[in-house]
Amino acid sequence: MITKVIWETLSVALLLYGLYLVYVFLWFSAFKIIDMDIQTAKLLSGTFIGIILIISSYRWFKKKKEELRLLKEAEEN
């Protein structure tokens, strides 16, 4: 059980680190390549990353809810 908790923690940490890298890449690219204002570039990048984070969280919670439901059914049988 502890390995599963450690694995989930590692996967969340990797997701957040990856999102940070994508955020930095997007705002730097928008700032330098498209020649956009830095605050606007950060705002757009943050919005995009926020959407990805919300979708990922929803999918993760949906998966965990299903796992808990199956675990509860298994305990009842």
C-alpha atoms as a PDB file:
ATOM      1  CA  MET A   1       0.000   0.000   0.000  1.00  0.00           C
ATOM      2  CA  ILE A   2       2.832   2.397   0.844  1.00  0.00           C
ATOM      3  CA  THR A   3       4.375   1.853  -2.586  1.00  0.00           C
ATOM      4  CA  LYS A   4       1.103   2.874  -4.198  1.00  0.00           C
ATOM      5  CA  VAL A   5       1.040   6.092  -2.152  1.00  0.00           C
ATOM      6  CA  ILE A   6       4.651   6.835  -3.071  1.00  0.00           C
ATOM      7  CA  TRP A   7       3.905   6.121  -6.743  1.00  0.00           C
ATOM      8  CA  GLU A   8       0.878   8.465  -6.712  1.00  0.00           C
ATOM      9  CA  THR A   9       2.944  11.176  -5.022  1.00  0.00           C
ATOM     10  CA  LEU A  10       5.713  10.796  -7.588  1.00  0.00           C
ATOM     11  CA  SER A  11       3.269  10.954 -10.489  1.00  0.00           C
ATOM     12  CA  VAL A  12       1.650  14.134  -9.123  1.00  0.00           C
ATOM     13  CA  ALA A  13       5.082  15.713  -8.601  1.00  0.00           C
ATOM     14  CA  LEU A  14       6.103  14.830 -12.158  1.00  0.00           C
ATOM     15  CA  LEU A  15       2.841  16.256 -13.507  1.00  0.00           C
ATOM     16  CA  LEU A  16       3.381  19.545 -11.685  1.00  0.00           C
ATOM     17  CA  TYR A  17       7.028  19.767 -12.741  1.00  0.00           C
ATOM     18  CA  GLY A  18       6.088  19.019 -16.344  1.00  0.00           C
ATOM     19  CA  LEU A  19       3.357  21.649 -16.255  1.00  0.00           C
ATOM     20  CA  TYR A  20       5.853  24.180 -14.930  1.00  0.00           C
ATOM     21  CA  LEU A  21       8.258  23.404 -17.766  1.00  0.00           C
ATOM     22  CA  VAL A  22       5.470  23.752 -20.343  1.00  0.00           C
ATOM     23  CA  TYR A  23       4.392  27.033 -18.716  1.00  0.00           C
ATOM     24  CA  VAL A  24       7.897  28.481 -18.924  1.00  0.00           C
ATOM     25  CA  PHE A  25       8.317  27.277 -22.507  1.00  0.00           C
ATOM     26  CA  LEU A  26       4.978  28.781 -23.577  1.00  0.00           C
ATOM     27  CA  TRP A  27       5.426  32.184 -22.010  1.00  0.00           C
ATOM     28  CA  PHE A  28       9.042  32.485 -23.135  1.00  0.00           C
ATOM     29  CA  SER A  29       8.087  31.467 -26.686  1.00  0.00           C
ATOM     30  CA  ALA A  30       5.160  33.878 -26.764  1.00  0.00           C
ATOM     31  CA  PHE A  31       7.318  36.654 -25.335  1.00  0.00           C
ATOM     32  CA  LYS A  32      10.336  36.187 -27.610  1.00  0.00           C
ATOM     33  CA  ILE A  33       8.990  34.643 -30.821  1.00  0.00           C
ATOM     34  CA  ILE A  34       5.557  36.272 -31.112  1.00  0.00           C
ATOM     35  CA  ASP A  35       6.863  39.486 -29.487  1.00  0.00           C
ATOM     36  CA  MET A  36       3.996  39.617 -27.010  1.00  0.00           C
ATOM     37  CA  ASP A  37       3.983  41.618 -23.771  1.00  0.00           C
ATOM     38  CA  ILE A  38       5.481  39.495 -20.979  1.00  0.00           C
ATOM     39  CA  GLN A  39       2.473  39.842 -18.650  1.00  0.00           C
ATOM     40  CA  THR A  40       0.053  38.843 -21.410  1.00  0.00           C
ATOM     41  CA  ALA A  41       2.251  35.907 -22.360  1.00  0.00           C
ATOM     42  CA  LYS A  42       2.369  34.718 -18.738  1.00  0.00           C
ATOM     43  CA  LEU A  43      -1.387  35.146 -18.384  1.00  0.00           C
ATOM     44  CA  LEU A  44      -2.130  33.127 -21.518  1.00  0.00           C
ATOM     45  CA  SER A  45       0.375  30.433 -20.566  1.00  0.00           C
ATOM     46  CA  GLY A  46      -1.014  30.241 -17.043  1.00  0.00           C
ATOM     47  CA  THR A  47      -4.549  29.936 -18.365  1.00  0.00           C
ATOM     48  CA  PHE A  48      -3.542  27.120 -20.685  1.00  0.00           C
ATOM     49  CA  ILE A  49      -1.691  25.293 -17.905  1.00  0.00           C
ATOM     50  CA  GLY A  50      -4.635  25.830 -15.539  1.00  0.00           C
ATOM     51  CA  ILE A  51      -6.970  24.181 -18.019  1.00  0.00           C
ATOM     52  CA  ILE A  52      -4.613  21.213 -18.362  1.00  0.00           C
ATOM     53  CA  LEU A  53      -4.357  20.942 -14.564  1.00  0.00           C
ATOM     54  CA  ILE A  54      -8.137  21.022 -14.116  1.00  0.00           C
ATOM     55  CA  ILE A  55      -8.670  18.333 -16.760  1.00  0.00           C
ATOM     56  CA  SER A  56      -5.905  16.149 -15.304  1.00  0.00           C
ATOM     57  CA  SER A  57      -7.287  16.545 -11.780  1.00  0.00           C
ATOM     58  CA  TYR A  58     -10.796  15.661 -12.921  1.00  0.00           C
ATOM     59  CA  ARG A  59      -9.560  12.516 -14.647  1.00  0.00           C
ATOM     60  CA  TRP A  60      -7.466  11.541 -11.619  1.00  0.00           C
ATOM     61  CA  PHE A  61     -10.357  12.026  -9.170  1.00  0.00           C
ATOM     62  CA  LYS A  62     -12.678  10.124 -11.494  1.00  0.00           C
ATOM     63  CA  LYS A  63     -10.193   7.214 -11.621  1.00  0.00           C
ATOM     64  CA  LYS A  64      -9.764   7.240  -7.832  1.00  0.00           C
ATOM     65  CA  LYS A  65     -13.530   7.264  -7.296  1.00  0.00           C
ATOM     66  CA  GLU A  66     -13.856   4.201  -9.530  1.00  0.00           C
ATOM     67  CA  GLU A  67     -11.004   2.439  -7.688  1.00  0.00           C
ATOM     68  CA  LEU A  68     -12.665   3.146  -4.334  1.00  0.00           C
ATOM     69  CA  ARG A  69     -15.991   1.863  -5.632  1.00  0.00           C
ATOM     70  CA  LEU A  70     -14.386  -1.374  -6.826  1.00  0.00           C
ATOM     71  CA  LEU A  71     -12.537  -1.748  -3.523  1.00  0.00           C
ATOM     72  CA  LYS A  72     -15.766  -1.265  -1.586  1.00  0.00           C
ATOM     73  CA  GLU A  73     -17.552  -3.847  -3.759  1.00  0.00           C
ATOM     74  CA  ALA A  74     -14.711  -6.301  -3.229  1.00  0.00           C
ATOM     75  CA  GLU A  75     -14.883  -5.846   0.545  1.00  0.00           C
ATOM     76  CA  GLU A  76     -18.645  -6.437   0.565  1.00  0.00           C
ATOM     77  CA  ASN A  77     -18.244  -9.752  -1.285  1.00  0.00           C
END
